[in-house]
Amino acid sequence: MANIDITDAQAWVEGTKLTLSSLDANLEPQVTSLIFAQLLGTFNTVAWVNPASTPRIVRTIIAMHYVAWLYDRAYSDDAEANAYAALLRQYADANLAGLIAGTIELSELPDANAGISSPSFFPTDLSSSQEPTDLNPSDGPPSFTMGTVF
């Protein structure tokens, strides 16, 4: 299944130049895999399998690259490079770089620190008992103290 839908791509198409009736089933997965390959070092993309599970900004970046490729293919006979496709690609790459650098955040992802109240350290007061327990057989009185001569 595609990671973008037709409305994501249509938002970047200039209506008088190009109209989309459906997504190219061969091009969309290729564009998506290129974007995900760049994001893989920063984000876990495994759960992003459809438009509903893919974060909005990532869908936008995929759609911009997808439309840029469509424009390049549609106007490939022209002698000059397509300026609009280059602009879309440049803007998408800037947003992609921001995601990777951490200057753009994915608002759909839960906060990594949510639910963490305070750090836990070992040994805790409960683990510092003077007698060994089944849970911590190595517990017991201290082996040495400050000022003890060995």
Protein backbone atom coordinates (compact mmCIF):
# COMPACT_ATOMS: atom_id res chain seq x y z
CA MET A 1 0.00 0.00 0.00
CA ALA A 2 1.14 3.54 -0.74
CA ASN A 3 2.37 5.89 1.99
CA ILE A 4 0.72 8.88 0.35
CA ASP A 5 -2.69 9.28 -1.20
CA ILE A 6 -3.78 11.14 -4.30
CA THR A 7 -4.68 14.30 -2.34
CA ASP A 8 -1.15 14.51 -0.90
CA ALA A 9 0.33 14.54 -4.40
CA GLN A 10 -2.42 16.68 -5.96
CA ALA A 11 -1.66 19.46 -3.47
CA TRP A 12 1.71 20.02 -5.21
CA VAL A 13 0.51 19.71 -8.81
CA GLU A 14 -0.27 22.83 -10.79
CA GLY A 15 -3.75 22.04 -12.13
CA THR A 16 -3.35 23.54 -15.58
CA LYS A 17 -0.10 21.68 -16.26
CA LEU A 18 -0.71 18.22 -14.83
CA THR A 19 -3.71 16.37 -13.42
CA LEU A 20 -3.56 13.23 -11.33
CA SER A 21 -6.27 10.62 -11.41
CA SER A 22 -4.27 8.00 -9.50
CA LEU A 23 -0.80 7.38 -8.13
CA ASP A 24 1.74 5.59 -10.29
CA ALA A 25 2.03 2.20 -8.58
CA ASN A 26 5.64 1.83 -9.74
CA LEU A 27 6.93 5.31 -8.94
CA GLU A 28 5.44 5.92 -5.48
CA PRO A 29 7.12 2.94 -3.72
CA GLN A 30 10.45 3.91 -5.27
CA VAL A 31 10.22 7.50 -4.06
CA THR A 32 9.05 6.34 -0.63
CA SER A 33 11.92 3.89 -0.26
CA LEU A 34 14.44 6.62 -1.10
CA ILE A 35 12.98 8.94 1.54
CA PHE A 36 12.72 6.18 4.17
CA ALA A 37 16.33 5.13 3.51
CA GLN A 38 17.47 8.61 4.49
CA LEU A 39 15.24 8.69 7.58
CA LEU A 40 16.16 5.20 8.77
CA GLY A 41 19.13 6.35 10.84
CA THR A 42 16.93 8.81 12.73
CA PHE A 43 13.45 7.25 12.83
CA ASN A 44 11.97 3.78 12.92
CA THR A 45 9.96 3.73 9.69
CA VAL A 46 8.72 0.13 9.95
CA ALA A 47 5.28 1.13 11.25
CA TRP A 48 4.76 3.68 8.46
CA VAL A 49 2.84 1.47 6.06
CA ASN A 50 -0.02 3.68 4.82
CA PRO A 51 -1.07 7.34 4.81
CA ALA A 52 -2.74 7.03 8.22
CA SER A 53 0.41 5.71 9.93
CA THR A 54 2.94 7.90 8.09
CA PRO A 55 3.60 11.28 9.78
CA ARG A 56 2.18 14.26 7.91
CA ILE A 57 5.50 15.99 7.19
CA VAL A 58 6.96 12.74 5.83
CA ARG A 59 3.92 12.32 3.56
CA THR A 60 4.44 15.88 2.35
CA ILE A 61 8.11 15.22 1.56
CA ILE A 62 7.23 12.01 -0.30
CA ALA A 63 4.47 13.80 -2.24
CA MET A 64 6.79 16.65 -3.23
CA HIS A 65 9.45 14.25 -4.51
CA TYR A 66 6.79 12.17 -6.27
CA VAL A 67 5.37 15.21 -8.08
CA ALA A 68 8.88 16.44 -8.94
CA TRP A 69 9.55 13.11 -10.66
CA LEU A 70 6.22 13.29 -12.48
CA TYR A 71 7.05 16.78 -13.78
CA ASP A 72 10.52 15.66 -14.83
CA ARG A 73 9.05 12.72 -16.75
CA ALA A 74 6.21 14.73 -18.31
CA TYR A 75 8.46 17.53 -19.51
CA SER A 76 11.63 15.53 -20.20
CA ASP A 77 11.61 16.52 -23.88
CA ASP A 78 12.18 20.16 -23.01
CA ALA A 79 15.76 21.32 -23.34
CA GLU A 80 15.84 22.94 -19.90
CA ALA A 81 15.33 21.28 -16.55
CA ASN A 82 11.93 21.82 -15.03
CA ALA A 83 12.26 24.70 -12.58
CA TYR A 84 9.13 23.78 -10.61
CA ALA A 85 10.31 20.18 -10.14
CA ALA A 86 13.70 21.47 -8.97
CA LEU A 87 12.00 23.85 -6.52
CA LEU A 88 9.82 21.05 -5.10
CA ARG A 89 12.80 18.74 -4.74
CA GLN A 90 14.90 21.46 -3.09
CA TYR A 91 12.17 22.32 -0.57
CA ALA A 92 11.50 18.64 0.19
CA ASP A 93 15.22 17.97 0.68
CA ALA A 94 15.51 20.93 3.06
CA ASN A 95 12.65 19.55 5.17
CA LEU A 96 14.17 16.07 5.05
CA ALA A 97 17.50 17.44 6.25
CA GLY A 98 15.67 19.25 9.07
CA LEU A 99 14.02 16.02 10.18
CA ILE A 100 17.34 14.19 10.17
CA ALA A 101 19.13 17.00 12.01
CA GLY A 102 16.34 17.28 14.57
CA THR A 103 15.47 20.90 13.78
CA ILE A 104 12.05 19.77 12.52
CA GLU A 105 10.07 17.53 14.84
CA LEU A 106 7.48 14.93 13.98
CA SER A 107 4.48 16.09 15.98
CA GLU A 108 2.71 12.75 15.52
CA LEU A 109 5.38 10.79 17.37
CA PRO A 110 4.89 10.48 21.11
CA ASP A 111 7.37 12.33 23.27
CA ALA A 112 10.27 10.04 24.03
CA ASN A 113 10.30 11.24 27.63
CA ALA A 114 6.57 10.82 28.26
CA GLY A 115 5.79 8.65 31.26
CA ILE A 116 9.29 8.83 32.72
CA SER A 117 9.09 10.35 36.18
CA SER A 118 12.65 10.13 37.49
CA PRO A 119 15.77 8.13 36.83
CA SER A 120 16.29 4.84 38.61
CA PHE A 121 19.65 3.86 40.00
CA PHE A 122 21.04 0.67 41.44
CA PRO A 123 21.50 0.12 44.30
CA THR A 124 18.30 1.59 45.63
CA ASP A 125 17.46 1.78 49.32
CA LEU A 126 15.58 -1.51 49.05
CA SER A 127 18.53 -3.26 47.42
CA SER A 128 20.97 -2.06 50.07
CA SER A 129 19.69 -4.36 52.77
CA GLN A 130 22.15 -5.73 55.28
CA GLU A 131 21.14 -9.33 54.56
CA PRO A 132 21.18 -11.24 51.25
CA THR A 133 17.79 -11.93 49.66
CA ASP A 134 16.57 -14.40 47.05
CA LEU A 135 16.27 -11.51 44.59
CA ASN A 136 19.75 -10.09 45.33
CA PRO A 137 21.96 -12.81 46.82
CA SER A 138 25.02 -10.57 46.75
CA ASP A 139 23.46 -8.04 49.14
CA GLY A 140 24.71 -7.93 52.66
CA PRO A 141 26.85 -5.75 54.88
CA PRO A 142 29.49 -3.58 53.21
CA SER A 143 32.76 -5.30 52.36
CA PHE A 144 34.76 -2.27 53.41
CA THR A 145 34.17 1.20 54.78
CA MET A 146 35.95 4.51 54.48
CA GLY A 147 39.04 4.74 56.64
CA THR A 148 39.50 0.98 56.88
CA VAL A 149 43.07 -0.18 56.53
CA PHE A 150 43.54 -3.26 54.39
